[in-house]
Protein backbone atom coordinates (compact mmCIF):
# COMPACT_ATOMS: atom_id res chain seq x y z
CA MET A 1 102.49 -204.77 194.85
CA ALA A 2 101.21 -202.99 197.15
CA LEU A 3 97.53 -201.56 196.18
CA VAL A 4 98.50 -197.84 196.83
CA SER A 5 102.01 -198.47 195.33
CA ARG A 6 100.54 -198.63 192.11
CA ILE A 7 98.67 -195.48 191.62
CA GLN A 8 101.02 -194.29 188.49
CA SER A 9 98.03 -192.63 187.32
CA LEU A 10 94.48 -192.45 187.84
CA SER A 11 93.56 -194.66 184.79
CA ALA A 12 95.78 -197.41 185.51
CA PHE A 13 94.69 -197.63 189.34
CA SER A 14 90.98 -198.14 188.20
CA SER A 15 91.30 -200.54 185.73
CA SER A 16 93.31 -203.25 187.82
CA SER A 17 90.51 -203.26 190.14
CA THR A 18 86.41 -203.51 189.80
CA HIS A 19 86.24 -201.82 193.34
CA PHE A 20 88.25 -198.54 192.05
CA ARG A 21 86.57 -197.51 189.09
CA LYS A 22 85.91 -193.80 188.15
CA PRO A 23 83.48 -191.89 190.31
CA HIS A 24 80.21 -191.70 188.52
CA SER A 25 78.91 -188.15 187.49
CA SER A 26 75.76 -188.39 188.93
CA SER A 27 75.70 -186.48 192.04
CA SER A 28 74.46 -189.03 194.09
CA PHE A 29 77.47 -190.82 194.26
CA ASN A 30 79.26 -187.80 195.60
CA PRO A 31 80.58 -188.96 199.15
CA ILE A 32 78.91 -185.50 200.64
CA SER A 33 76.12 -185.45 198.82
CA SER A 34 74.92 -188.91 198.69
CA LEU A 35 74.00 -187.86 202.40
CA ARG A 36 70.75 -187.39 203.46
CA PHE A 37 70.52 -184.32 206.28
CA ASN A 38 67.68 -183.69 208.17
CA SER A 39 68.19 -181.17 211.06
CA THR A 40 64.79 -181.43 212.19
CA SER A 41 64.74 -185.19 212.64
CA SER A 42 66.83 -185.52 216.02
CA ASN A 43 64.14 -186.98 217.79
CA SER A 44 63.79 -189.90 215.82
CA SER A 45 65.80 -193.00 216.69
CA SER A 46 68.00 -193.69 214.33
CA SER A 47 69.12 -190.11 213.84
CA SER A 48 69.87 -189.69 217.83
CA SER A 49 71.75 -192.98 218.20
CA SER A 50 74.00 -191.32 215.13
CA SER A 51 74.06 -187.95 216.21
CA SER A 52 74.97 -188.56 220.11
CA SER A 53 77.49 -191.96 219.25
CA PRO A 54 80.79 -191.76 220.58
CA PHE A 55 82.42 -193.66 217.03
CA THR A 56 82.75 -193.20 214.02
CA GLU A 57 79.20 -194.43 212.75
CA LYS A 58 78.56 -195.07 208.76
CA ALA A 59 76.00 -192.34 208.62
CA SER A 60 78.03 -189.85 210.22
CA ILE A 61 79.06 -186.81 208.65
CA GLU A 62 82.08 -186.37 211.28
CA ARG A 63 83.99 -188.80 209.37
CA TYR A 64 83.88 -186.72 205.98
CA GLN A 65 84.62 -183.49 208.39
CA ARG A 66 87.71 -185.61 209.66
CA ASP A 67 89.13 -186.71 206.37
CA HIS A 68 88.12 -183.74 204.73
CA TRP A 69 91.74 -183.60 202.78
CA LEU A 70 90.79 -186.65 200.92
CA TYR A 71 88.19 -184.79 198.93
CA LYS A 72 90.07 -181.84 198.28
CA ASN A 73 89.48 -181.78 195.11
CA GLN A 74 85.56 -181.99 195.31
CA HIS A 75 85.71 -179.34 197.65
CA SER A 76 87.14 -176.52 195.66
CA GLU A 77 85.13 -177.67 192.78
CA SER A 78 81.97 -177.01 194.88
CA ASP A 79 82.71 -174.15 197.00
CA GLN A 80 80.73 -175.43 199.55
CA PRO A 81 81.27 -176.04 203.14
CA LEU A 82 80.56 -179.48 204.29
CA PRO A 83 77.06 -179.75 206.62
CA THR A 84 77.38 -180.43 209.99
CA PRO A 85 73.35 -181.81 210.65
CA CYS A 86 72.96 -185.64 211.29
CA CYS A 87 72.53 -187.72 208.37
CA SER A 88 71.54 -190.88 207.15
CA LEU A 89 73.73 -192.78 203.95
CA PRO A 90 71.55 -193.98 200.91
CA SER A 91 70.67 -197.69 200.75
CA ASP A 92 73.53 -198.51 197.90
CA PHE A 93 76.07 -199.23 199.97
CA ASP A 94 78.21 -200.80 197.46
CA SER A 95 77.95 -198.10 194.87
CA LEU A 96 78.93 -195.28 197.86
CA ARG A 97 81.74 -197.61 198.90
CA GLU A 98 83.27 -197.93 195.04
CA ASN A 99 82.77 -194.33 194.06
CA ASP A 100 83.94 -192.60 197.59
CA ILE A 101 87.19 -194.78 197.23
CA ALA A 102 87.71 -193.48 193.61
CA LEU A 103 87.57 -189.92 195.03
CA GLN A 104 89.81 -190.06 197.72
CA LEU A 105 92.56 -191.58 195.51
CA PRO A 106 93.93 -188.30 194.17
CA GLU A 107 94.90 -186.77 197.30
CA LEU A 108 95.72 -190.42 198.49
CA ARG A 109 98.31 -190.74 195.28
CA ASN A 110 99.42 -187.06 196.33
CA LEU A 111 100.67 -187.75 199.96
CA LEU A 112 102.36 -190.85 199.06
CA GLN A 113 104.21 -188.90 196.44
CA VAL A 114 105.05 -186.38 199.00
CA LEU A 115 106.59 -189.37 201.59
CA ARG A 116 108.44 -190.61 198.63
CA GLU A 117 110.48 -187.64 198.28
CA LYS A 118 111.00 -187.27 201.50
CA ARG A 119 112.38 -190.50 202.38
CA GLN A 120 114.90 -189.99 199.48
CA THR A 121 115.53 -186.48 201.10
CA GLU A 122 117.01 -188.39 204.21
CA GLY A 123 117.80 -191.15 202.17
CA ASP A 124 120.71 -188.84 200.87
CA ARG A 125 121.70 -188.02 203.87
CA GLY A 126 122.09 -191.93 205.07
CA GLY A 127 118.47 -192.01 206.51
CA CYS A 128 116.56 -194.09 203.91
CA GLY A 129 114.21 -197.11 204.69
CA PRO A 130 110.80 -198.17 205.17
CA GLY A 131 107.96 -196.85 208.05
CA ASN A 132 106.88 -198.01 210.95
CA VAL A 133 103.48 -199.31 211.61
CA PHE A 134 101.76 -199.25 214.92
CA LEU A 135 99.02 -201.46 215.76
CA VAL A 136 97.41 -199.49 218.82
CA GLY A 137 94.89 -200.49 220.80
CA THR A 138 92.67 -197.28 221.82
CA GLY A 139 90.70 -198.95 224.84
CA PRO A 140 86.31 -199.20 224.99
CA GLY A 141 85.97 -195.13 224.18
CA ASP A 142 87.34 -193.25 227.23
CA PRO A 143 90.67 -191.38 226.05
CA GLU A 144 92.00 -191.49 229.74
CA LEU A 145 92.24 -195.28 229.72
CA LEU A 146 94.75 -194.86 226.66
CA THR A 147 98.41 -195.75 227.20
CA MET A 148 100.63 -193.41 227.54
CA LYS A 149 102.93 -195.04 224.59
CA ALA A 150 99.45 -194.69 222.44
CA TYR A 151 99.34 -191.01 223.13
CA ARG A 152 102.96 -190.55 222.46
CA VAL A 153 102.59 -192.67 219.03
CA ILE A 154 98.90 -191.29 218.67
CA GLN A 155 100.91 -187.58 218.43
CA SER A 156 103.54 -188.05 215.86
CA ALA A 157 101.84 -190.16 213.00
CA ASP A 158 101.95 -189.06 209.63
CA LEU A 159 99.21 -191.35 208.73
CA LEU A 160 96.28 -193.02 210.74
CA LEU A 161 94.04 -195.61 209.64
CA TYR A 162 91.13 -195.41 212.27
CA ASP A 163 88.18 -198.16 212.73
CA ARG A 164 84.32 -197.03 213.63
CA LEU A 165 85.03 -198.03 217.21
CA VAL A 166 87.67 -195.20 218.08
CA SER A 167 85.88 -192.85 219.88
CA ASN A 168 85.90 -189.42 218.54
CA ASP A 169 87.37 -188.27 221.98
CA VAL A 170 90.19 -190.30 221.16
CA LEU A 171 90.86 -188.97 217.53
CA ASP A 172 90.49 -185.35 219.05
CA LEU A 173 93.96 -186.32 220.23
CA VAL A 174 95.69 -186.86 216.85
CA GLY A 175 98.91 -184.57 216.08
CA SER A 176 97.48 -181.10 213.62
CA GLY A 177 100.31 -182.39 210.58
CA ALA A 178 98.90 -185.66 210.58
CA ARG A 179 96.64 -187.54 207.79
CA LEU A 180 93.40 -189.72 209.14
CA LEU A 181 91.77 -192.21 206.96
CA TYR A 182 88.42 -194.19 208.03
CA VAL A 183 88.68 -197.38 206.86
CA GLY A 184 85.75 -199.06 209.42
CA LYS A 185 83.64 -201.58 209.35
CA THR A 186 79.80 -202.07 210.51
CA ALA A 187 77.22 -204.65 209.47
CA GLY A 188 76.43 -204.17 206.15
CA TYR A 189 78.82 -201.43 204.89
CA HIS A 190 82.80 -201.99 205.03
CA SER A 191 84.63 -198.98 203.84
CA ARG A 192 87.27 -201.23 202.73
CA THR A 193 87.95 -204.40 202.48
CA GLN A 194 90.62 -206.11 205.18
CA GLU A 195 92.69 -206.88 202.00
CA GLU A 196 92.61 -203.32 201.29
CA ILE A 197 93.35 -202.29 204.46
CA HIS A 198 96.83 -204.89 204.48
CA GLU A 199 97.44 -203.06 201.17
CA LEU A 200 97.33 -199.51 202.79
CA LEU A 201 99.66 -200.41 205.75
CA LEU A 202 101.94 -201.62 203.11
CA SER A 203 102.23 -198.88 200.70
CA PHE A 204 103.18 -196.36 203.26
CA ALA A 205 105.14 -197.76 205.55
CA GLU A 206 107.52 -198.81 202.00
CA ALA A 207 107.16 -194.99 201.16
CA GLY A 208 108.55 -194.70 204.96
CA ALA A 209 105.72 -193.00 206.82
CA ASN A 210 104.99 -193.11 210.36
CA VAL A 211 101.53 -195.61 210.24
CA VAL A 212 99.51 -196.11 212.80
CA ARG A 213 96.68 -198.50 212.94
CA LEU A 214 93.73 -197.27 215.22
CA LYS A 215 91.83 -200.15 216.69
CA GLY A 216 89.31 -200.13 220.09
CA GLY A 217 90.10 -202.00 222.45
CA ASP A 218 92.97 -204.19 222.34
CA PRO A 219 94.01 -205.03 218.47
CA LEU A 220 94.80 -208.30 219.23
CA VAL A 221 91.34 -209.45 220.41
CA PHE A 222 88.79 -209.50 217.92
CA GLY A 223 90.17 -206.90 216.10
CA ARG A 224 92.11 -208.80 213.24
CA GLY A 225 95.15 -206.93 214.87
CA GLY A 226 97.01 -210.77 214.22
CA GLU A 227 96.22 -211.39 210.52
CA GLU A 228 97.77 -207.29 209.77
CA MET A 229 100.53 -208.00 212.06
CA ASP A 230 101.41 -211.38 209.80
CA PHE A 231 100.94 -209.88 206.33
CA LEU A 232 103.15 -206.92 207.33
CA ARG A 233 105.85 -208.62 209.09
CA GLN A 234 105.62 -211.67 205.76
CA GLN A 235 106.41 -208.12 203.47
CA GLY A 236 109.68 -207.43 205.53
CA ILE A 237 107.58 -204.53 207.79
CA GLU A 238 108.35 -203.91 211.51
CA VAL A 239 105.52 -204.15 213.20
CA ASN A 240 104.81 -202.71 216.75
CA VAL A 241 102.14 -203.37 218.62
CA ILE A 242 100.99 -201.29 221.96
CA PRO A 243 98.60 -202.67 223.62
CA GLY A 244 94.53 -201.50 225.29
CA ILE A 245 91.99 -202.06 227.48
CA THR A 246 89.95 -204.29 226.07
CA ALA A 247 86.14 -203.88 226.79
CA ALA A 248 85.66 -206.75 228.50
CA SER A 249 88.60 -205.30 231.36
CA GLY A 250 87.32 -201.65 230.83
CA ILE A 251 83.39 -201.79 231.41
CA ALA A 252 83.75 -204.40 233.60
CA ALA A 253 85.94 -202.39 236.01
CA ASN A 254 83.21 -199.61 235.15
CA LEU A 255 80.69 -201.52 236.50
CA GLY A 256 82.10 -202.90 239.49
CA ILE A 257 82.08 -206.89 238.35
CA PRO A 258 85.40 -208.59 238.93
CA LEU A 259 85.79 -211.00 235.51
CA THR A 260 87.48 -213.61 238.05
CA HIS A 261 86.50 -214.13 241.98
CA ARG A 262 87.83 -216.74 244.62
CA GLY A 263 85.05 -219.15 244.57
CA VAL A 264 83.06 -217.50 242.06
CA ALA A 265 84.79 -217.98 238.77
CA ASN A 266 87.78 -219.55 238.58
CA SER A 267 87.99 -218.67 234.55
CA VAL A 268 87.06 -215.75 232.14
CA ARG A 269 86.23 -216.81 228.85
CA PHE A 270 85.95 -213.89 225.47
CA LEU A 271 83.67 -214.83 223.09
CA THR A 272 82.72 -213.59 219.64
CA GLY A 273 78.82 -213.69 218.44
CA HIS A 274 80.24 -213.28 214.97
CA SER A 275 78.61 -215.76 212.94
CA ARG A 276 80.74 -216.78 209.80
CA LYS A 277 78.20 -215.83 206.85
CA GLY A 278 75.93 -213.51 208.63
CA GLY A 279 73.67 -215.78 210.08
CA THR A 280 72.14 -215.94 213.93
CA ASP A 281 74.36 -218.57 215.04
CA PRO A 282 77.92 -218.02 216.71
CA LEU A 283 81.12 -219.38 215.72
CA PHE A 284 81.88 -221.22 218.98
CA VAL A 285 80.31 -224.41 220.40
CA ALA A 286 78.20 -222.96 223.30
CA GLU A 287 78.43 -226.71 225.09
CA ASN A 288 82.19 -225.66 225.79
CA ALA A 289 81.31 -222.37 227.49
CA ALA A 290 78.62 -223.63 229.56
CA ASP A 291 80.57 -223.32 232.59
CA PRO A 292 79.08 -221.93 235.62
CA ASP A 293 82.12 -221.39 237.17
CA SER A 294 83.23 -219.39 234.58
CA THR A 295 82.65 -215.46 233.36
CA LEU A 296 81.43 -215.20 230.05
CA VAL A 297 81.85 -211.83 228.15
CA VAL A 298 80.51 -211.70 224.87
CA TYR A 299 81.73 -209.52 221.57
CA MET A 300 79.59 -208.02 218.92
CA GLY A 301 76.74 -210.39 219.94
CA LEU A 302 73.64 -208.43 220.06
CA SER A 303 72.54 -210.22 216.78
CA THR A 304 73.52 -213.88 217.77
CA LEU A 305 72.33 -214.01 221.64
CA PRO A 306 68.91 -215.23 221.41
CA SER A 307 70.49 -218.78 220.03
CA LEU A 308 73.55 -218.27 222.30
CA ALA A 309 71.19 -218.40 225.48
CA GLN A 310 69.39 -221.00 224.54
CA LYS A 311 72.54 -223.55 223.97
CA LEU A 312 74.48 -222.39 227.54
CA VAL A 313 70.91 -223.30 229.10
CA HIS A 314 70.51 -226.43 227.44
CA HIS A 315 74.53 -227.12 227.82
CA GLY A 316 73.39 -227.05 231.89
CA LEU A 317 73.76 -223.44 232.27
CA SER A 318 70.65 -222.04 234.81
CA PRO A 319 68.46 -219.59 233.39
CA ASN A 320 68.72 -217.64 236.03
CA THR A 321 72.62 -216.78 235.92
CA PRO A 322 73.06 -213.54 235.79
CA ALA A 323 73.62 -211.16 233.04
CA VAL A 324 74.48 -207.77 231.91
CA ALA A 325 74.51 -206.30 228.55
CA VAL A 326 76.55 -202.33 228.15
CA GLU A 327 75.96 -200.02 225.63
CA ARG A 328 79.05 -197.83 224.20
CA GLY A 329 80.93 -198.57 227.96
CA THR A 330 82.93 -196.19 229.52
CA THR A 331 81.95 -193.29 227.41
CA PRO A 332 79.57 -190.61 228.37
CA GLN A 333 76.62 -192.15 226.58
CA GLN A 334 77.37 -195.50 227.90
CA ARG A 335 73.54 -197.27 228.16
CA MET A 336 73.35 -200.16 230.20
CA ASP A 337 70.59 -203.27 230.13
CA LEU A 338 69.98 -203.67 233.69
CA SER A 339 66.78 -205.55 234.18
CA TYR A 340 64.40 -205.71 237.32
CA THR A 341 65.26 -202.41 238.44
CA ASP A 342 63.46 -198.41 237.75
CA ARG A 343 62.57 -198.78 233.90
CA ASN A 344 62.89 -194.80 234.28
CA SER A 345 66.53 -195.07 234.68
CA ASP A 346 69.15 -196.66 231.61
CA ARG A 347 69.91 -199.26 234.07
CA VAL A 348 68.44 -203.59 233.44
CA PHE A 349 70.39 -206.32 234.64
CA ALA A 350 68.91 -209.24 233.26
CA GLU A 351 69.02 -212.76 234.10
CA LEU A 352 70.05 -215.44 231.12
CA LYS A 353 66.90 -216.63 230.51
CA ASP A 354 65.62 -213.27 229.51
CA VAL A 355 68.63 -210.71 228.36
CA ALA A 356 67.92 -211.59 224.74
CA ASP A 357 64.47 -209.79 225.09
CA GLU A 358 65.44 -207.44 227.90
CA ILE A 359 67.68 -205.88 224.78
CA VAL A 360 65.31 -205.86 222.54
CA SER A 361 63.11 -203.63 225.05
CA ALA A 362 65.85 -201.46 225.90
CA GLU A 363 66.87 -201.20 222.31
CA LEU A 364 70.68 -200.89 222.48
CA VAL A 365 72.45 -201.14 219.53
CA SER A 366 75.86 -201.68 218.32
CA PRO A 367 78.60 -201.69 220.24
CA THR A 368 77.24 -203.54 223.02
CA LEU A 369 79.34 -205.95 225.55
CA ILE A 370 77.43 -208.91 227.67
CA ILE A 371 78.79 -210.25 230.42
CA ILE A 372 77.19 -213.45 231.46
CA GLY A 373 78.56 -215.62 234.80
CA LYS A 374 77.77 -215.50 238.21
CA VAL A 375 80.30 -212.65 239.11
CA VAL A 376 77.78 -209.84 237.71
CA ALA A 377 76.52 -210.69 240.69
CA LEU A 378 78.64 -208.99 242.25
CA SER A 379 78.24 -205.53 240.89
CA PRO A 380 76.96 -203.00 243.12
CA LEU A 381 74.39 -202.46 240.72
CA TRP A 382 72.95 -205.71 241.20
CA PRO A 383 69.60 -205.25 242.36
CA TYR A 384 69.14 -208.27 244.19
CA ALA A 385 72.69 -207.32 246.07
CA SER A 386 71.77 -207.24 249.83
CA LYS A 387 70.87 -211.62 249.02
CA GLU A 388 72.76 -213.01 246.45
CA VAL A 389 75.60 -211.67 247.36
CA SER A 390 75.64 -212.35 250.60
CA CYS A 391 74.98 -216.14 249.85
CA LEU A 392 77.79 -215.64 247.37
CA VAL A 393 80.02 -214.47 249.98
CA GLU A 394 79.34 -217.02 252.97
CA ALA A 395 80.01 -219.91 250.44
CA LEU A 396 83.85 -219.23 250.20
């Protein structure tokens, strides 16, 4: 039975899973007061990174402002408005997560009941049936890259479950009557497990809701959309997928990099930089990717890039292969690691042998996309364009 469907009472629900204990009485576990606000530390790297991010970072108070409906009872009891300065989360992520979810349960239960009553009323008129689930790709961050269909679905949703990499500008397009629920994940902090996300989608779909699952980029490219689609279809729920512009396409276009180019790159390969257990080695076998005639695009690869670069060179890829790393691509906060150019700018392209060190020097953070291949030298931003690109063109 779906997770939220089991909410017959808070006590019954909290006893069904160790992840949903009743909130601690201590104020240190209040999802609002758990945040340490510091309006005077905006010059620090962590504070500026969080406050300037176009996405919902784990330390972002915007998440709680956006999802304030879930904490309605808490707000009324404290009768205090949500603070607005930048903030950081305490180190006890597991306790915060469990108590945060427990505090959300009353309003989740209320919303589920409202939707069930609405469905029953429509059923009396011959309109009863499960709701629809839409897996919507929101692109790399720029709201103008949304498809018209995605915009229409976002506007008409009852409930939207959104990930960390759905930009704030996209979330501003959500209809005024919709409810938002953050289910984002980042290293060391998952606000919801994947299984919990599955059950939330199922529960509200069964109640007749129009549910939208918002994902950055394309939902079926390293977005676990396939898992959610498979789970729901096995439960008899119709799933509609609305593609989005994946980060590789959006960011490459923004930089003027053709992912394929006649005579330079005859294929493109998307790679995940994640390791299975949080280690430093990427999942895939590097020798299969060390093709000089292919473009490599690495998602989520900051922590594993040093190992990946070494393995690519070891398996035959030239250490001088052009590369570029882009943080928060296509958003106003985009930063590019472009080596060998003016250090006063935020643009630094790098050759493969140097790109990992240059990323560290530039202090790029997630989300950062990495493109490796000869096509990078075709970008108008490549510092050796006058010489290397001419050689590439002459070779065609």
